[in-house]
Amino acid sequence: MNRDIALGGALMLIGILMFLPGIQADASPLWQAALVPAAALLTYGTYRVGTSNDGRAV
């Protein structure tokens, strides 16, 4: 497995798991603030997976 794919997949998984507590209706302000780094991790993980192959990015 390509290192970029593994790293990107791990970042995406962490980002998704950080989203879950923050999107609930009664989430604390701390979990709501954690949505910003969660989105950054999810975005960067998607970028790593999408650009892991040669040629055009997906």
C-alpha atoms as a PDB file:
ATOM      1  CA  MET A   1       0.000   0.000   0.000  1.00  0.00           C
ATOM      2  CA  ASN A   2       1.222   3.438  -0.881  1.00  0.00           C
ATOM      3  CA  ARG A   3       2.301   5.557   2.092  1.00  0.00           C
ATOM      4  CA  ASP A   4       0.264   8.568   0.912  1.00  0.00           C
ATOM      5  CA  ILE A   5      -2.894   6.469   0.708  1.00  0.00           C
ATOM      6  CA  ALA A   6      -2.380   5.039   4.197  1.00  0.00           C
ATOM      7  CA  LEU A   7      -1.631   8.446   5.709  1.00  0.00           C
ATOM      8  CA  GLY A   8      -4.541  10.086   3.896  1.00  0.00           C
ATOM      9  CA  GLY A   9      -6.925   7.350   4.965  1.00  0.00           C
ATOM     10  CA  ALA A  10      -5.825   7.658   8.587  1.00  0.00           C
ATOM     11  CA  LEU A  11      -6.263  11.451   8.513  1.00  0.00           C
ATOM     12  CA  MET A  12      -9.712  11.071   6.977  1.00  0.00           C
ATOM     13  CA  LEU A  13     -10.733   8.550   9.636  1.00  0.00           C
ATOM     14  CA  ILE A  14      -9.512  10.805  12.456  1.00  0.00           C
ATOM     15  CA  GLY A  15     -11.302  13.784  10.910  1.00  0.00           C
ATOM     16  CA  ILE A  16     -14.572  11.862  10.644  1.00  0.00           C
ATOM     17  CA  LEU A  17     -14.322  10.653  14.230  1.00  0.00           C
ATOM     18  CA  MET A  18     -13.689  14.206  15.429  1.00  0.00           C
ATOM     19  CA  PHE A  19     -16.805  15.395  13.566  1.00  0.00           C
ATOM     20  CA  LEU A  20     -19.237  13.034  15.258  1.00  0.00           C
ATOM     21  CA  PRO A  21     -19.380  14.622  18.746  1.00  0.00           C
ATOM     22  CA  GLY A  22     -19.370  18.156  17.342  1.00  0.00           C
ATOM     23  CA  ILE A  23     -22.397  17.808  15.069  1.00  0.00           C
ATOM     24  CA  GLN A  24     -24.797  16.717  17.804  1.00  0.00           C
ATOM     25  CA  ALA A  25     -27.421  19.222  18.890  1.00  0.00           C
ATOM     26  CA  ASP A  26     -26.200  19.441  22.501  1.00  0.00           C
ATOM     27  CA  ALA A  27     -22.465  19.561  21.746  1.00  0.00           C
ATOM     28  CA  SER A  28     -20.258  21.548  24.090  1.00  0.00           C
ATOM     29  CA  PRO A  29     -18.364  24.576  22.777  1.00  0.00           C
ATOM     30  CA  LEU A  30     -15.138  22.547  22.938  1.00  0.00           C
ATOM     31  CA  TRP A  31     -16.497  19.930  20.535  1.00  0.00           C
ATOM     32  CA  GLN A  32     -17.924  22.643  18.313  1.00  0.00           C
ATOM     33  CA  ALA A  33     -14.475  24.262  18.149  1.00  0.00           C
ATOM     34  CA  ALA A  34     -13.000  20.870  17.253  1.00  0.00           C
ATOM     35  CA  LEU A  35     -14.979  20.960  14.000  1.00  0.00           C
ATOM     36  CA  VAL A  36     -12.403  23.287  12.425  1.00  0.00           C
ATOM     37  CA  PRO A  37      -9.384  20.969  12.859  1.00  0.00           C
ATOM     38  CA  ALA A  38     -11.615  18.008  11.978  1.00  0.00           C
ATOM     39  CA  ALA A  39     -12.491  19.647   8.673  1.00  0.00           C
ATOM     40  CA  ALA A  40      -8.815  20.436   8.053  1.00  0.00           C
ATOM     41  CA  LEU A  41      -7.787  16.820   8.706  1.00  0.00           C
ATOM     42  CA  LEU A  42     -10.545  15.481   6.491  1.00  0.00           C
ATOM     43  CA  THR A  43      -9.667  17.881   3.691  1.00  0.00           C
ATOM     44  CA  TYR A  44      -5.937  17.189   3.850  1.00  0.00           C
ATOM     45  CA  GLY A  45      -6.509  13.423   4.031  1.00  0.00           C
ATOM     46  CA  THR A  46      -8.732  13.585   0.962  1.00  0.00           C
ATOM     47  CA  TYR A  47      -6.065  15.619  -0.835  1.00  0.00           C
ATOM     48  CA  ARG A  48      -3.355  13.069   0.049  1.00  0.00           C
ATOM     49  CA  VAL A  49      -5.423  10.161  -1.257  1.00  0.00           C
ATOM     50  CA  GLY A  50      -6.499  12.053  -4.375  1.00  0.00           C
ATOM     51  CA  THR A  51      -2.960  13.037  -5.361  1.00  0.00           C
ATOM     52  CA  SER A  52      -1.262   9.746  -4.440  1.00  0.00           C
ATOM     53  CA  ASN A  53      -1.134   8.485  -8.028  1.00  0.00           C
ATOM     54  CA  ASP A  54       0.854   9.878 -10.913  1.00  0.00           C
ATOM     55  CA  GLY A  55      -0.982  12.057 -13.387  1.00  0.00           C
ATOM     56  CA  ARG A  56      -4.035  14.204 -12.800  1.00  0.00           C
ATOM     57  CA  ALA A  57      -5.488  14.510  -9.342  1.00  0.00           C
ATOM     58  CA  VAL A  58      -8.855  12.843  -8.932  1.00  0.00           C
END
